[in-house]
Every structure is written in structure tokens, then in C-alpha cells.
Amino acid sequence: MSATASVWLVIVLAALGANLPFLSQRWLVVGPKAVPAKPMAARLAEMVLLYFVVGGVALLLERRVGQIAPQQWEFYAITATLFITLAFPGFIYRYLLRRKA
């Protein structure tokens, strides 16, 4: 896999990982369905877990391409902020979009 394909794969995984907690009523997407509804705190916890999963995949892909570059706290702050920004469509769908009853 080329470096460009790896970058796009991580971006797509990040967008999916950020939105999945808001699009699914199931615990960790594949678990039992939450009754009556999954609380916001659970969605945020799932989002944090998926942030680390996507980060792990990115780390593995970076290791395959070459040497892993050391990162400081600023890198992680920016990637966490980007992950939260990518979750915006799922948040809008779950909490702000009007549904017919």
C-alpha cells in the first residue's frame, strides 16, 4: 500500500470512527441494542475508544511505510480536535435533526 493510500485510509477510518457512536444505538456498534437510548456519555466514551483504535491503525500503517516520527502533545491535541470535528455530521443527525414521530 502506498503512503498516499495509507493517508486516505486513515482519514476515512477517522471519519467513520467519529460518526459511528452517533449513528448506532448498539454498544460499540456490534453489541446489544441500548434500551431506551444510549446516553451521550456512552457515545463520547465510544468516540474516545475509536480515536485510539484509529490512532493504532495509523501507527501500524506508519510503521509499514518507514520510521515512526516522534510526536509531542500538540500532535495529539490537533488530532483529537480533528476527530471531534469529523464527528459533527453524526452529532447533527442524532441530536439536531428533526424526525417525524
PDB file of N, CA and C in Angstrom:
ATOM      1  N   MET A   1       0.855  -1.169   0.000  1.00  0.00           N
ATOM      2  CA  MET A   1       0.000   0.000   0.000  1.00  0.00           C
ATOM      3  C   MET A   1       0.901   1.232   0.000  1.00  0.00           C
ATOM      4  N   SER A   2       0.592   2.183  -0.843  1.00  0.00           N
ATOM      5  CA  SER A   2       1.404   3.390  -0.931  1.00  0.00           C
ATOM      6  C   SER A   2       1.126   4.310   0.255  1.00  0.00           C
ATOM      7  N   ALA A   3       1.990   5.284   0.429  1.00  0.00           N
ATOM      8  CA  ALA A   3       1.822   6.237   1.526  1.00  0.00           C
ATOM      9  C   ALA A   3       0.552   7.059   1.341  1.00  0.00           C
ATOM     10  N   THR A   4       0.235   7.413   0.109  1.00  0.00           N
ATOM     11  CA  THR A   4      -0.980   8.191  -0.154  1.00  0.00           C
ATOM     12  C   THR A   4      -2.226   7.386   0.181  1.00  0.00           C
ATOM     13  N   ALA A   5      -2.232   6.129  -0.197  1.00  0.00           N
ATOM     14  CA  ALA A   5      -3.380   5.273   0.126  1.00  0.00           C
ATOM     15  C   ALA A   5      -3.520   5.095   1.632  1.00  0.00           C
ATOM     16  N   SER A   6      -2.399   5.000   2.341  1.00  0.00           N
ATOM     17  CA  SER A   6      -2.444   4.880   3.798  1.00  0.00           C
ATOM     18  C   SER A   6      -3.057   6.115   4.439  1.00  0.00           C
ATOM     19  N   VAL A   7      -2.689   7.274   3.937  1.00  0.00           N
ATOM     20  CA  VAL A   7      -3.236   8.522   4.479  1.00  0.00           C
ATOM     21  C   VAL A   7      -4.741   8.581   4.260  1.00  0.00           C
ATOM     22  N   TRP A   8      -5.186   8.247   3.060  1.00  0.00           N
ATOM     23  CA  TRP A   8      -6.624   8.282   2.782  1.00  0.00           C
ATOM     24  C   TRP A   8      -7.381   7.233   3.591  1.00  0.00           C
ATOM     25  N   LEU A   9      -6.774   6.090   3.803  1.00  0.00           N
ATOM     26  CA  LEU A   9      -7.402   5.059   4.627  1.00  0.00           C
ATOM     27  C   LEU A   9      -7.592   5.551   6.060  1.00  0.00           C
ATOM     28  N   VAL A  10      -6.594   6.210   6.611  1.00  0.00           N
ATOM     29  CA  VAL A  10      -6.702   6.741   7.975  1.00  0.00           C
ATOM     30  C   VAL A  10      -7.764   7.836   8.042  1.00  0.00           C
ATOM     31  N   ILE A  11      -7.848   8.685   7.034  1.00  0.00           N
ATOM     32  CA  ILE A  11      -8.859   9.746   7.029  1.00  0.00           C
ATOM     33  C   ILE A  11     -10.263   9.150   6.975  1.00  0.00           C
ATOM     34  N   VAL A  12     -10.463   8.153   6.127  1.00  0.00           N
ATOM     35  CA  VAL A  12     -11.781   7.509   6.031  1.00  0.00           C
ATOM     36  C   VAL A  12     -12.121   6.785   7.328  1.00  0.00           C
ATOM     37  N   LEU A  13     -11.158   6.068   7.907  1.00  0.00           N
ATOM     38  CA  LEU A  13     -11.398   5.390   9.183  1.00  0.00           C
ATOM     39  C   LEU A  13     -11.715   6.381  10.297  1.00  0.00           C
ATOM     40  N   ALA A  14     -11.047   7.525  10.295  1.00  0.00           N
ATOM     41  CA  ALA A  14     -11.315   8.543  11.311  1.00  0.00           C
ATOM     42  C   ALA A  14     -12.723   9.107  11.156  1.00  0.00           C
ATOM     43  N   ALA A  15     -13.138   9.374   9.925  1.00  0.00           N
ATOM     44  CA  ALA A  15     -14.494   9.895   9.705  1.00  0.00           C
ATOM     45  C   ALA A  15     -15.544   8.870  10.125  1.00  0.00           C
ATOM     46  N   LEU A  16     -15.329   7.614   9.786  1.00  0.00           N
ATOM     47  CA  LEU A  16     -16.273   6.566  10.197  1.00  0.00           C
ATOM     48  C   LEU A  16     -16.258   6.368  11.708  1.00  0.00           C
ATOM     49  N   GLY A  17     -15.070   6.313  12.283  1.00  0.00           N
ATOM     50  CA  GLY A  17     -14.956   6.108  13.721  1.00  0.00           C
ATOM     51  C   GLY A  17     -15.548   7.240  14.535  1.00  0.00           C
ATOM     52  N   ALA A  18     -15.445   8.450  14.044  1.00  0.00           N
ATOM     53  CA  ALA A  18     -16.000   9.590  14.768  1.00  0.00           C
ATOM     54  C   ALA A  18     -17.521   9.611  14.704  1.00  0.00           C
ATOM     55  N   ASN A  19     -18.098   9.121  13.618  1.00  0.00           N
ATOM     56  CA  ASN A  19     -19.552   9.185  13.446  1.00  0.00           C
ATOM     57  C   ASN A  19     -20.294   7.941  13.913  1.00  0.00           C
ATOM     58  N   LEU A  20     -19.644   6.798  13.978  1.00  0.00           N
ATOM     59  CA  LEU A  20     -20.329   5.558  14.348  1.00  0.00           C
ATOM     60  C   LEU A  20     -21.036   5.611  15.702  1.00  0.00           C
ATOM     61  N   PRO A  21     -20.458   6.203  16.743  1.00  0.00           N
ATOM     62  CA  PRO A  21     -21.198   6.241  18.013  1.00  0.00           C
ATOM     63  C   PRO A  21     -22.529   6.986  17.919  1.00  0.00           C
ATOM     64  N   PHE A  22     -22.624   7.950  17.026  1.00  0.00           N
ATOM     65  CA  PHE A  22     -23.853   8.727  16.891  1.00  0.00           C
ATOM     66  C   PHE A  22     -24.849   8.082  15.936  1.00  0.00           C
ATOM     67  N   LEU A  23     -24.381   7.237  15.045  1.00  0.00           N
ATOM     68  CA  LEU A  23     -25.264   6.625  14.059  1.00  0.00           C
ATOM     69  C   LEU A  23     -25.848   5.298  14.524  1.00  0.00           C
ATOM     70  N   SER A  24     -25.283   4.714  15.570  1.00  0.00           N
ATOM     71  CA  SER A  24     -25.721   3.400  16.021  1.00  0.00           C
ATOM     72  C   SER A  24     -26.231   3.458  17.455  1.00  0.00           C
ATOM     73  N   GLN A  25     -27.305   2.721  17.724  1.00  0.00           N
ATOM     74  CA  GLN A  25     -27.835   2.601  19.078  1.00  0.00           C
ATOM     75  C   GLN A  25     -27.219   1.413  19.800  1.00  0.00           C
ATOM     76  N   ARG A  26     -26.374   0.655  19.128  1.00  0.00           N
ATOM     77  CA  ARG A  26     -25.752  -0.516  19.735  1.00  0.00           C
ATOM     78  C   ARG A  26     -24.477  -0.108  20.473  1.00  0.00           C
ATOM     79  N   TRP A  27     -24.171  -0.839  21.552  1.00  0.00           N
ATOM     80  CA  TRP A  27     -22.945  -0.591  22.305  1.00  0.00           C
ATOM     81  C   TRP A  27     -21.753  -1.029  21.472  1.00  0.00           C
ATOM     82  N   LEU A  28     -20.814  -0.143  21.276  1.00  0.00           N
ATOM     83  CA  LEU A  28     -19.615  -0.387  20.462  1.00  0.00           C
ATOM     84  C   LEU A  28     -19.960  -0.906  19.073  1.00  0.00           C
ATOM     85  N   VAL A  29     -21.041  -0.456  18.527  1.00  0.00           N
ATOM     86  CA  VAL A  29     -21.524  -0.692  17.171  1.00  0.00           C
ATOM     87  C   VAL A  29     -22.011  -2.123  16.945  1.00  0.00           C
ATOM     88  N   VAL A  30     -21.423  -3.124  17.584  1.00  0.00           N
ATOM     89  CA  VAL A  30     -21.812  -4.510  17.336  1.00  0.00           C
ATOM     90  C   VAL A  30     -22.464  -5.180  18.541  1.00  0.00           C
ATOM     91  N   GLY A  31     -22.480  -4.527  19.686  1.00  0.00           N
ATOM     92  CA  GLY A  31     -23.033  -5.121  20.900  1.00  0.00           C
ATOM     93  C   GLY A  31     -24.548  -5.077  20.920  1.00  0.00           C
ATOM     94  N   PRO A  32     -25.126  -5.356  22.095  1.00  0.00           N
ATOM     95  CA  PRO A  32     -26.588  -5.329  22.204  1.00  0.00           C
ATOM     96  C   PRO A  32     -27.133  -3.911  22.057  1.00  0.00           C
ATOM     97  N   LYS A  33     -28.368  -3.817  21.604  1.00  0.00           N
ATOM     98  CA  LYS A  33     -29.003  -2.521  21.397  1.00  0.00           C
ATOM     99  C   LYS A  33     -29.296  -1.873  22.746  1.00  0.00           C
ATOM    100  N   ALA A  34     -28.987  -0.597  22.864  1.00  0.00           N
ATOM    101  CA  ALA A  34     -29.213   0.141  24.104  1.00  0.00           C
ATOM    102  C   ALA A  34     -30.691   0.482  24.229  1.00  0.00           C
ATOM    103  N   VAL A  35     -31.260   0.158  25.377  1.00  0.00           N
ATOM    104  CA  VAL A  35     -32.675   0.448  25.613  1.00  0.00           C
ATOM    105  C   VAL A  35     -32.757   1.363  26.809  1.00  0.00           C
ATOM    106  N   PRO A  36     -33.456   2.478  26.806  1.00  0.00           N
ATOM    107  CA  PRO A  36     -34.197   3.056  25.695  1.00  0.00           C
ATOM    108  C   PRO A  36     -33.295   3.758  24.686  1.00  0.00           C
ATOM    109  N   ALA A  37     -32.222   4.372  25.151  1.00  0.00           N
ATOM    110  CA  ALA A  37     -31.300   5.012  24.212  1.00  0.00           C
ATOM    111  C   ALA A  37     -29.932   5.108  24.880  1.00  0.00           C
ATOM    112  N   LYS A  38     -28.913   5.164  24.060  1.00  0.00           N
ATOM    113  CA  LYS A  38     -27.558   5.285  24.572  1.00  0.00           C
ATOM    114  C   LYS A  38     -27.354   6.713  25.078  1.00  0.00           C
ATOM    115  N   PRO A  39     -26.853   6.891  26.301  1.00  0.00           N
ATOM    116  CA  PRO A  39     -26.623   8.251  26.792  1.00  0.00           C
ATOM    117  C   PRO A  39     -25.440   8.914  26.079  1.00  0.00           C
ATOM    118  N   MET A  40     -25.414  10.233  26.147  1.00  0.00           N
ATOM    119  CA  MET A  40     -24.358  11.000  25.491  1.00  0.00           C
ATOM    120  C   MET A  40     -22.974  10.616  26.031  1.00  0.00           C
ATOM    121  N   ALA A  41     -22.879  10.352  27.331  1.00  0.00           N
ATOM    122  CA  ALA A  41     -21.586   9.979  27.915  1.00  0.00           C
ATOM    123  C   ALA A  41     -21.067   8.680  27.301  1.00  0.00           C
ATOM    124  N   ALA A  42     -21.950   7.741  27.033  1.00  0.00           N
ATOM    125  CA  ALA A  42     -21.534   6.485  26.402  1.00  0.00           C
ATOM    126  C   ALA A  42     -21.064   6.735  24.973  1.00  0.00           C
ATOM    127  N   ARG A  43     -21.732   7.620  24.276  1.00  0.00           N
ATOM    128  CA  ARG A  43     -21.316   7.942  22.905  1.00  0.00           C
ATOM    129  C   ARG A  43     -19.927   8.592  22.906  1.00  0.00           C
ATOM    130  N   LEU A  44     -19.690   9.481  23.864  1.00  0.00           N
ATOM    131  CA  LEU A  44     -18.377  10.122  23.947  1.00  0.00           C
ATOM    132  C   LEU A  44     -17.291   9.113  24.329  1.00  0.00           C
ATOM    133  N   ALA A  45     -17.615   8.186  25.231  1.00  0.00           N
ATOM    134  CA  ALA A  45     -16.644   7.153  25.606  1.00  0.00           C
ATOM    135  C   ALA A  45     -16.308   6.267  24.407  1.00  0.00           C
ATOM    136  N   GLU A  46     -17.316   5.913  23.627  1.00  0.00           N
ATOM    137  CA  GLU A  46     -17.069   5.127  22.412  1.00  0.00           C
ATOM    138  C   GLU A  46     -16.214   5.913  21.428  1.00  0.00           C
ATOM    139  N   MET A  47     -16.459   7.218  21.348  1.00  0.00           N
ATOM    140  CA  MET A  47     -15.692   8.045  20.433  1.00  0.00           C
ATOM    141  C   MET A  47     -14.217   8.090  20.855  1.00  0.00           C
ATOM    142  N   VAL A  48     -13.959   8.188  22.153  1.00  0.00           N
ATOM    143  CA  VAL A  48     -12.577   8.181  22.646  1.00  0.00           C
ATOM    144  C   VAL A  48     -11.914   6.837  22.342  1.00  0.00           C
ATOM    145  N   LEU A  49     -12.635   5.755  22.570  1.00  0.00           N
ATOM    146  CA  LEU A  49     -12.094   4.427  22.270  1.00  0.00           C
ATOM    147  C   LEU A  49     -11.768   4.296  20.781  1.00  0.00           C
ATOM    148  N   LEU A  50     -12.672   4.749  19.925  1.00  0.00           N
ATOM    149  CA  LEU A  50     -12.436   4.665  18.482  1.00  0.00           C
ATOM    150  C   LEU A  50     -11.310   5.596  18.034  1.00  0.00           C
ATOM    151  N   TYR A  51     -11.106   6.717  18.746  1.00  0.00           N
ATOM    152  CA  TYR A  51      -9.967   7.602  18.463  1.00  0.00           C
ATOM    153  C   TYR A  51      -8.655   6.830  18.639  1.00  0.00           C
ATOM    154  N   PHE A  52      -8.573   6.059  19.725  1.00  0.00           N
ATOM    155  CA  PHE A  52      -7.355   5.288  19.968  1.00  0.00           C
ATOM    156  C   PHE A  52      -7.216   4.121  18.993  1.00  0.00           C
ATOM    157  N   VAL A  53      -8.319   3.525  18.587  1.00  0.00           N
ATOM    158  CA  VAL A  53      -8.264   2.445  17.593  1.00  0.00           C
ATOM    159  C   VAL A  53      -7.752   2.987  16.257  1.00  0.00           C
ATOM    160  N   VAL A  54      -8.298   4.117  15.821  1.00  0.00           N
ATOM    161  CA  VAL A  54      -7.846   4.726  14.560  1.00  0.00           C
ATOM    162  C   VAL A  54      -6.385   5.147  14.684  1.00  0.00           C
ATOM    163  N   GLY A  55      -6.005   5.681  15.836  1.00  0.00           N
ATOM    164  CA  GLY A  55      -4.603   6.043  16.058  1.00  0.00           C
ATOM    165  C   GLY A  55      -3.685   4.834  15.986  1.00  0.00           C
ATOM    166  N   GLY A  56      -4.139   3.703  16.513  1.00  0.00           N
ATOM    167  CA  GLY A  56      -3.350   2.474  16.429  1.00  0.00           C
ATOM    168  C   GLY A  56      -3.180   1.994  14.999  1.00  0.00           C
ATOM    169  N   VAL A  57      -4.259   2.071  14.224  1.00  0.00           N
ATOM    170  CA  VAL A  57      -4.173   1.693  12.804  1.00  0.00           C
ATOM    171  C   VAL A  57      -3.208   2.628  12.076  1.00  0.00           C
ATOM    172  N   ALA A  58      -3.289   3.913  12.372  1.00  0.00           N
ATOM    173  CA  ALA A  58      -2.388   4.879  11.742  1.00  0.00           C
ATOM    174  C   ALA A  58      -0.938   4.593  12.117  1.00  0.00           C
ATOM    175  N   LEU A  59      -0.715   4.230  13.371  1.00  0.00           N
ATOM    176  CA  LEU A  59       0.640   3.903  13.815  1.00  0.00           C
ATOM    177  C   LEU A  59       1.175   2.662  13.093  1.00  0.00           C
ATOM    178  N   LEU A  60       0.336   1.653  12.940  1.00  0.00           N
ATOM    179  CA  LEU A  60       0.758   0.450  12.213  1.00  0.00           C
ATOM    180  C   LEU A  60       1.078   0.758  10.752  1.00  0.00           C
ATOM    181  N   LEU A  61       0.239   1.581  10.122  1.00  0.00           N
ATOM    182  CA  LEU A  61       0.495   1.940   8.723  1.00  0.00           C
ATOM    183  C   LEU A  61       1.767   2.770   8.597  1.00  0.00           C
ATOM    184  N   GLU A  62       2.011   3.662   9.561  1.00  0.00           N
ATOM    185  CA  GLU A  62       3.228   4.468   9.522  1.00  0.00           C
ATOM    186  C   GLU A  62       4.463   3.583   9.696  1.00  0.00           C
ATOM    187  N   ARG A  63       4.353   2.580  10.553  1.00  0.00           N
ATOM    188  CA  ARG A  63       5.468   1.661  10.771  1.00  0.00           C
ATOM    189  C   ARG A  63       5.768   0.864   9.504  1.00  0.00           C
ATOM    190  N   ARG A  64       4.728   0.518   8.742  1.00  0.00           N
ATOM    191  CA  ARG A  64       4.941  -0.235   7.499  1.00  0.00           C
ATOM    192  C   ARG A  64       5.633   0.614   6.437  1.00  0.00           C
ATOM    193  N   VAL A  65       5.339   1.923   6.428  1.00  0.00           N
ATOM    194  CA  VAL A  65       5.912   2.806   5.414  1.00  0.00           C
ATOM    195  C   VAL A  65       7.364   3.149   5.737  1.00  0.00           C
ATOM    196  N   GLY A  66       7.674   3.322   7.014  1.00  0.00           N
ATOM    197  CA  GLY A  66       9.035   3.698   7.387  1.00  0.00           C
ATOM    198  C   GLY A  66       9.139   3.900   8.882  1.00  0.00           C
ATOM    199  N   GLN A  67      10.054   4.743   9.264  1.00  0.00           N
ATOM    200  CA  GLN A  67      10.298   5.006  10.673  1.00  0.00           C
ATOM    201  C   GLN A  67       9.169   5.849  11.266  1.00  0.00           C
ATOM    202  N   ILE A  68       8.785   5.535  12.499  1.00  0.00           N
ATOM    203  CA  ILE A  68       7.728   6.286  13.179  1.00  0.00           C
ATOM    204  C   ILE A  68       8.313   7.594  13.691  1.00  0.00           C
ATOM    205  N   ALA A  69       7.680   8.694  13.330  1.00  0.00           N
ATOM    206  CA  ALA A  69       8.146  10.006  13.765  1.00  0.00           C
ATOM    207  C   ALA A  69       7.676  10.272  15.196  1.00  0.00           C
ATOM    208  N   PRO A  70       8.568  10.734  16.070  1.00  0.00           N
ATOM    209  CA  PRO A  70       8.142  11.053  17.439  1.00  0.00           C
ATOM    210  C   PRO A  70       7.221  12.271  17.435  1.00  0.00           C
ATOM    211  N   GLN A  71       6.208  12.234  18.299  1.00  0.00           N
ATOM    212  CA  GLN A  71       5.219  13.311  18.345  1.00  0.00           C
ATOM    213  C   GLN A  71       5.174  13.915  19.743  1.00  0.00           C
ATOM    214  N   GLN A  72       4.830  15.179  19.807  1.00  0.00           N
ATOM    215  CA  GLN A  72       4.645  15.878  21.080  1.00  0.00           C
ATOM    216  C   GLN A  72       3.154  15.994  21.365  1.00  0.00           C
ATOM    217  N   TRP A  73       2.803  16.614  22.477  1.00  0.00           N
ATOM    218  CA  TRP A  73       1.404  16.719  22.883  1.00  0.00           C
ATOM    219  C   TRP A  73       0.580  17.517  21.885  1.00  0.00           C
ATOM    220  N   GLU A  74       1.185  18.452  21.159  1.00  0.00           N
ATOM    221  CA  GLU A  74       0.440  19.267  20.195  1.00  0.00           C
ATOM    222  C   GLU A  74      -0.174  18.406  19.090  1.00  0.00           C
ATOM    223  N   PHE A  75       0.553  17.399  18.649  1.00  0.00           N
ATOM    224  CA  PHE A  75       0.045  16.500  17.615  1.00  0.00           C
ATOM    225  C   PHE A  75      -1.229  15.812  18.082  1.00  0.00           C
ATOM    226  N   TYR A  76      -1.219  15.311  19.311  1.00  0.00           N
ATOM    227  CA  TYR A  76      -2.384  14.594  19.831  1.00  0.00           C
ATOM    228  C   TYR A  76      -3.550  15.539  20.091  1.00  0.00           C
ATOM    229  N   ALA A  77      -3.264  16.770  20.499  1.00  0.00           N
ATOM    230  CA  ALA A  77      -4.334  17.754  20.685  1.00  0.00           C
ATOM    231  C   ALA A  77      -4.998  18.082  19.349  1.00  0.00           C
ATOM    232  N   ILE A  78      -4.207  18.232  18.309  1.00  0.00           N
ATOM    233  CA  ILE A  78      -4.755  18.554  16.992  1.00  0.00           C
ATOM    234  C   ILE A  78      -5.540  17.375  16.422  1.00  0.00           C
ATOM    235  N   THR A  79      -5.020  16.152  16.560  1.00  0.00           N
ATOM    236  CA  THR A  79      -5.752  15.006  16.017  1.00  0.00           C
ATOM    237  C   THR A  79      -7.047  14.754  16.781  1.00  0.00           C
ATOM    238  N   ALA A  80      -7.048  14.980  18.090  1.00  0.00           N
ATOM    239  CA  ALA A  80      -8.292  14.829  18.862  1.00  0.00           C
ATOM    240  C   ALA A  80      -9.314  15.877  18.436  1.00  0.00           C
ATOM    241  N   THR A  81      -8.861  17.098  18.214  1.00  0.00           N
ATOM    242  CA  THR A  81      -9.764  18.151  17.753  1.00  0.00           C
ATOM    243  C   THR A  81     -10.306  17.831  16.362  1.00  0.00           C
ATOM    244  N   LEU A  82      -9.474  17.316  15.485  1.00  0.00           N
ATOM    245  CA  LEU A  82      -9.922  16.918  14.154  1.00  0.00           C
ATOM    246  C   LEU A  82     -10.936  15.782  14.241  1.00  0.00           C
ATOM    247  N   PHE A  83     -10.708  14.824  15.139  1.00  0.00           N
ATOM    248  CA  PHE A  83     -11.633  13.708  15.318  1.00  0.00           C
ATOM    249  C   PHE A  83     -12.991  14.215  15.796  1.00  0.00           C
ATOM    250  N   ILE A  84     -12.989  15.152  16.726  1.00  0.00           N
ATOM    251  CA  ILE A  84     -14.248  15.740  17.210  1.00  0.00           C
ATOM    252  C   ILE A  84     -14.944  16.494  16.084  1.00  0.00           C
ATOM    253  N   THR A  85     -14.181  17.213  15.273  1.00  0.00           N
ATOM    254  CA  THR A  85     -14.763  17.940  14.144  1.00  0.00           C
ATOM    255  C   THR A  85     -15.375  16.973  13.130  1.00  0.00           C
ATOM    256  N   LEU A  86     -14.722  15.855  12.895  1.00  0.00           N
ATOM    257  CA  LEU A  86     -15.268  14.860  11.966  1.00  0.00           C
ATOM    258  C   LEU A  86     -16.555  14.232  12.492  1.00  0.00           C
ATOM    259  N   ALA A  87     -16.783  14.279  13.809  1.00  0.00           N
ATOM    260  CA  ALA A  87     -17.995  13.710  14.401  1.00  0.00           C
ATOM    261  C   ALA A  87     -19.207  14.630  14.257  1.00  0.00           C
ATOM    262  N   PHE A  88     -19.027  15.822  13.748  1.00  0.00           N
ATOM    263  CA  PHE A  88     -20.120  16.793  13.663  1.00  0.00           C
ATOM    264  C   PHE A  88     -21.328  16.288  12.870  1.00  0.00           C
ATOM    265  N   PRO A  89     -21.165  15.671  11.691  1.00  0.00           N
ATOM    266  CA  PRO A  89     -22.358  15.186  10.974  1.00  0.00           C
ATOM    267  C   PRO A  89     -23.158  14.157  11.764  1.00  0.00           C
ATOM    268  N   GLY A  90     -22.490  13.252  12.448  1.00  0.00           N
ATOM    269  CA  GLY A  90     -23.196  12.264  13.259  1.00  0.00           C
ATOM    270  C   GLY A  90     -23.924  12.902  14.430  1.00  0.00           C
ATOM    271  N   PHE A  91     -23.307  13.898  15.051  1.00  0.00           N
ATOM    272  CA  PHE A  91     -23.947  14.615  16.155  1.00  0.00           C
ATOM    273  C   PHE A  91     -25.199  15.339  15.670  1.00  0.00           C
ATOM    274  N   ILE A  92     -25.100  15.990  14.528  1.00  0.00           N
ATOM    275  CA  ILE A  92     -26.261  16.683  13.950  1.00  0.00           C
ATOM    276  C   ILE A  92     -27.372  15.684  13.667  1.00  0.00           C
ATOM    277  N   TYR A  93     -27.022  14.547  13.079  1.00  0.00           N
ATOM    278  CA  TYR A  93     -28.025  13.534  12.760  1.00  0.00           C
ATOM    279  C   TYR A  93     -28.720  13.034  14.020  1.00  0.00           C
ATOM    280  N   ARG A  94     -27.967  12.777  15.076  1.00  0.00           N
ATOM    281  CA  ARG A  94     -28.539  12.183  16.286  1.00  0.00           C
ATOM    282  C   ARG A  94     -29.325  13.193  17.121  1.00  0.00           C
ATOM    283  N   TYR A  95     -28.832  14.419  17.274  1.00  0.00           N
ATOM    284  CA  TYR A  95     -29.415  15.325  18.263  1.00  0.00           C
ATOM    285  C   TYR A  95     -30.138  16.542  17.685  1.00  0.00           C
ATOM    286  N   LEU A  96     -29.811  16.980  16.496  1.00  0.00           N
ATOM    287  CA  LEU A  96     -30.392  18.218  15.994  1.00  0.00           C
ATOM    288  C   LEU A  96     -31.340  18.049  14.819  1.00  0.00           C
ATOM    289  N   LEU A  97     -31.311  16.914  14.154  1.00  0.00           N
ATOM    290  CA  LEU A  97     -32.179  16.691  13.003  1.00  0.00           C
ATOM    291  C   LEU A  97     -33.578  16.320  13.479  1.00  0.00           C
ATOM    292  N   ARG A  98     -34.570  16.986  12.936  1.00  0.00           N
ATOM    293  CA  ARG A  98     -35.954  16.678  13.321  1.00  0.00           C
ATOM    294  C   ARG A  98     -36.392  15.391  12.643  1.00  0.00           C
ATOM    295  N   ARG A  99     -37.076  14.574  13.426  1.00  0.00           N
ATOM    296  CA  ARG A  99     -37.601  13.321  12.887  1.00  0.00           C
ATOM    297  C   ARG A  99     -39.115  13.327  13.003  1.00  0.00           C
ATOM    298  N   LYS A 100     -39.750  12.677  12.053  1.00  0.00           N
ATOM    299  CA  LYS A 100     -41.210  12.560  12.125  1.00  0.00           C
ATOM    300  C   LYS A 100     -41.555  11.491  13.146  1.00  0.00           C
ATOM    301  N   ALA A 101     -42.480  11.814  14.032  1.00  0.00           N
ATOM    302  CA  ALA A 101     -42.840  10.868  15.104  1.00  0.00           C
ATOM    303  C   ALA A 101     -43.819   9.820  14.653  1.00  0.00           C
TER     304      ALA A 101
END
